[in-house]
Amino acid sequence: MTRIVLASHGRLADGMKDTLSFILGDLPNVSTICAYVDQDVSLRSQIDQTFAEFSPGDAVVVVTDIFGGSVNNEFMALLGEKDFILVAGMNMPTLVELVSEDAPTVEGVQSVVERGKQSILVCNGLASDEPEEF
């Protein structure tokens, strides 16, 4: 099974999952880690608890909110210890595609990330008389 972990400072990860569920329906394979919300719970313990829920054969993709932030850095430190693909910089188009991936590979996830980058635009000057539906 493919597992997606959304990890952020504060509750951004929960909000992203909520929006993903609104778009795609129930997402039992998506977990969230909201760091620093509860002062008594360490980020590392949240990570350990999340990974403990996975089966050995699960493909795991972790998406953090920002490269170089403490949440991303904690996962970076675990790359040699645990088997997962790490992506920094969550955005909705990338997450929609990642959730739809059946058997993610580093190369496949890289392609999804590249397409997600293309969806980040300054829209001034792009507006037409008729808005397009997506």
Protein backbone atom coordinates (compact mmCIF):
# COMPACT_ATOMS: atom_id res chain seq x y z
CA MET A 1 0.00 0.00 0.00
CA THR A 2 1.14 3.54 -0.68
CA ARG A 3 1.21 5.77 2.39
CA ILE A 4 1.39 9.55 2.21
CA VAL A 5 2.49 11.53 5.28
CA LEU A 6 1.87 15.27 5.35
CA ALA A 7 4.07 16.95 7.96
CA SER A 8 4.08 20.63 8.87
CA HIS A 9 4.71 23.26 11.46
CA GLY A 10 1.33 23.85 13.08
CA ARG A 11 -1.87 22.56 11.53
CA LEU A 12 -1.13 23.10 7.83
CA ALA A 13 -0.89 19.33 7.25
CA ASP A 14 -4.39 18.79 8.68
CA GLY A 15 -5.76 21.57 6.48
CA MET A 16 -4.13 20.10 3.37
CA LYS A 17 -5.58 16.66 4.15
CA ASP A 18 -9.00 18.21 4.74
CA THR A 19 -8.89 19.88 1.32
CA LEU A 20 -7.58 16.71 -0.34
CA SER A 21 -10.49 14.79 1.18
CA PHE A 22 -12.91 17.41 -0.10
CA ILE A 23 -11.53 16.94 -3.63
CA LEU A 24 -10.81 13.19 -3.65
CA GLY A 25 -13.01 11.67 -0.93
CA ASP A 26 -11.93 9.48 1.97
CA LEU A 27 -8.13 9.08 2.19
CA PRO A 28 -7.27 6.30 4.66
CA ASN A 29 -3.71 6.12 3.32
CA VAL A 30 -2.93 9.78 4.17
CA SER A 31 -1.56 10.61 7.63
CA THR A 32 -0.69 13.98 9.11
CA ILE A 33 1.91 15.22 11.54
CA CYS A 34 1.27 18.68 12.96
CA ALA A 35 4.47 19.62 14.76
CA TYR A 36 4.71 21.87 17.80
CA VAL A 37 0.94 22.00 18.38
CA ASP A 38 1.22 20.11 21.67
CA GLN A 39 4.27 21.14 23.72
CA ASP A 40 4.27 17.74 25.46
CA VAL A 41 4.64 15.74 22.22
CA SER A 42 7.94 15.73 20.37
CA LEU A 43 8.14 15.72 16.60
CA ARG A 44 10.29 12.59 16.73
CA SER A 45 7.68 10.72 18.77
CA GLN A 46 5.00 11.73 16.24
CA ILE A 47 7.19 10.42 13.41
CA ASP A 48 7.93 7.16 15.23
CA GLN A 49 4.23 6.63 16.01
CA THR A 50 3.23 7.29 12.38
CA PHE A 51 5.82 4.90 10.94
CA ALA A 52 4.85 2.23 13.50
CA GLU A 53 1.39 2.12 11.91
CA PHE A 54 2.81 1.10 8.51
CA SER A 55 3.48 -2.42 7.22
CA PRO A 56 7.00 -3.40 6.07
CA GLY A 57 5.98 -3.51 2.39
CA ASP A 58 4.29 -0.09 2.35
CA ALA A 59 5.65 2.55 -0.01
CA VAL A 60 5.91 5.77 2.01
CA VAL A 61 6.08 9.33 0.68
CA VAL A 62 6.54 12.13 3.22
CA VAL A 63 5.72 15.69 2.18
CA THR A 64 6.88 18.50 4.46
CA ASP A 65 5.88 22.14 4.40
CA ILE A 66 9.26 23.80 3.79
CA PHE A 67 12.78 22.73 2.86
CA GLY A 68 15.27 23.53 5.60
CA GLY A 69 12.63 23.88 8.28
CA SER A 70 12.85 21.81 11.46
CA VAL A 71 10.16 19.37 10.30
CA ASN A 72 11.95 18.70 7.02
CA ASN A 73 15.32 18.50 8.77
CA GLU A 74 14.01 15.84 11.18
CA PHE A 75 12.94 13.69 8.23
CA MET A 76 16.20 14.37 6.37
CA ALA A 77 18.05 12.90 9.35
CA LEU A 78 15.97 9.70 9.02
CA LEU A 79 16.57 9.08 5.30
CA GLY A 80 19.34 6.56 5.98
CA GLU A 81 17.38 4.89 8.76
CA LYS A 82 13.88 4.47 7.29
CA ASP A 83 12.73 3.65 3.75
CA PHE A 84 10.68 6.57 2.37
CA ILE A 85 10.67 9.27 -0.28
CA LEU A 86 10.91 12.82 1.08
CA VAL A 87 9.45 15.85 -0.68
CA ALA A 88 9.76 19.41 0.66
CA GLY A 89 7.25 22.09 -0.23
CA MET A 90 3.64 20.92 -0.17
CA ASN A 91 1.11 22.30 -2.59
CA MET A 92 -2.32 21.01 -3.54
CA PRO A 93 -1.67 20.05 -7.20
CA THR A 94 1.35 17.98 -6.17
CA LEU A 95 -0.56 16.30 -3.36
CA VAL A 96 -3.52 15.42 -5.59
CA GLU A 97 -1.14 13.65 -7.97
CA LEU A 98 0.87 11.95 -5.22
CA VAL A 99 -2.25 10.54 -3.59
CA SER A 100 -3.17 9.06 -6.97
CA GLU A 101 0.21 7.30 -7.44
CA ASP A 102 -0.03 3.51 -7.10
CA ALA A 103 3.62 2.56 -6.63
CA PRO A 104 5.72 5.68 -6.14
CA THR A 105 9.38 5.70 -7.11
CA VAL A 106 11.87 8.50 -6.59
CA GLU A 107 11.79 9.19 -10.33
CA GLY A 108 7.99 9.17 -10.48
CA VAL A 109 7.68 11.46 -7.48
CA GLN A 110 10.26 13.79 -9.05
CA SER A 111 8.04 14.03 -12.15
CA VAL A 112 5.01 14.81 -9.99
CA VAL A 113 6.98 17.55 -8.20
CA GLU A 114 8.08 19.08 -11.52
CA ARG A 115 4.46 19.23 -12.70
CA GLY A 116 3.45 20.73 -9.35
CA LYS A 117 6.02 23.50 -9.79
CA GLN A 118 4.36 24.44 -13.08
CA SER A 119 1.08 25.06 -11.25
CA ILE A 120 2.61 27.87 -9.16
CA LEU A 121 1.93 31.08 -11.06
CA VAL A 122 1.51 34.80 -10.61
CA CYS A 123 -1.95 35.22 -12.16
CA ASN A 124 -1.90 38.98 -12.79
CA GLY A 125 -2.05 39.44 -16.54
CA LEU A 126 -3.40 35.94 -17.11
CA ALA A 127 -7.04 36.74 -16.46
CA SER A 128 -9.44 36.54 -19.39
CA ASP A 129 -13.06 37.59 -19.69
CA GLU A 130 -14.22 34.01 -19.13
CA PRO A 131 -12.84 32.09 -16.13
CA GLU A 132 -11.90 28.49 -16.90
CA GLU A 133 -13.13 25.60 -14.80
CA PHE A 134 -10.65 22.92 -13.81
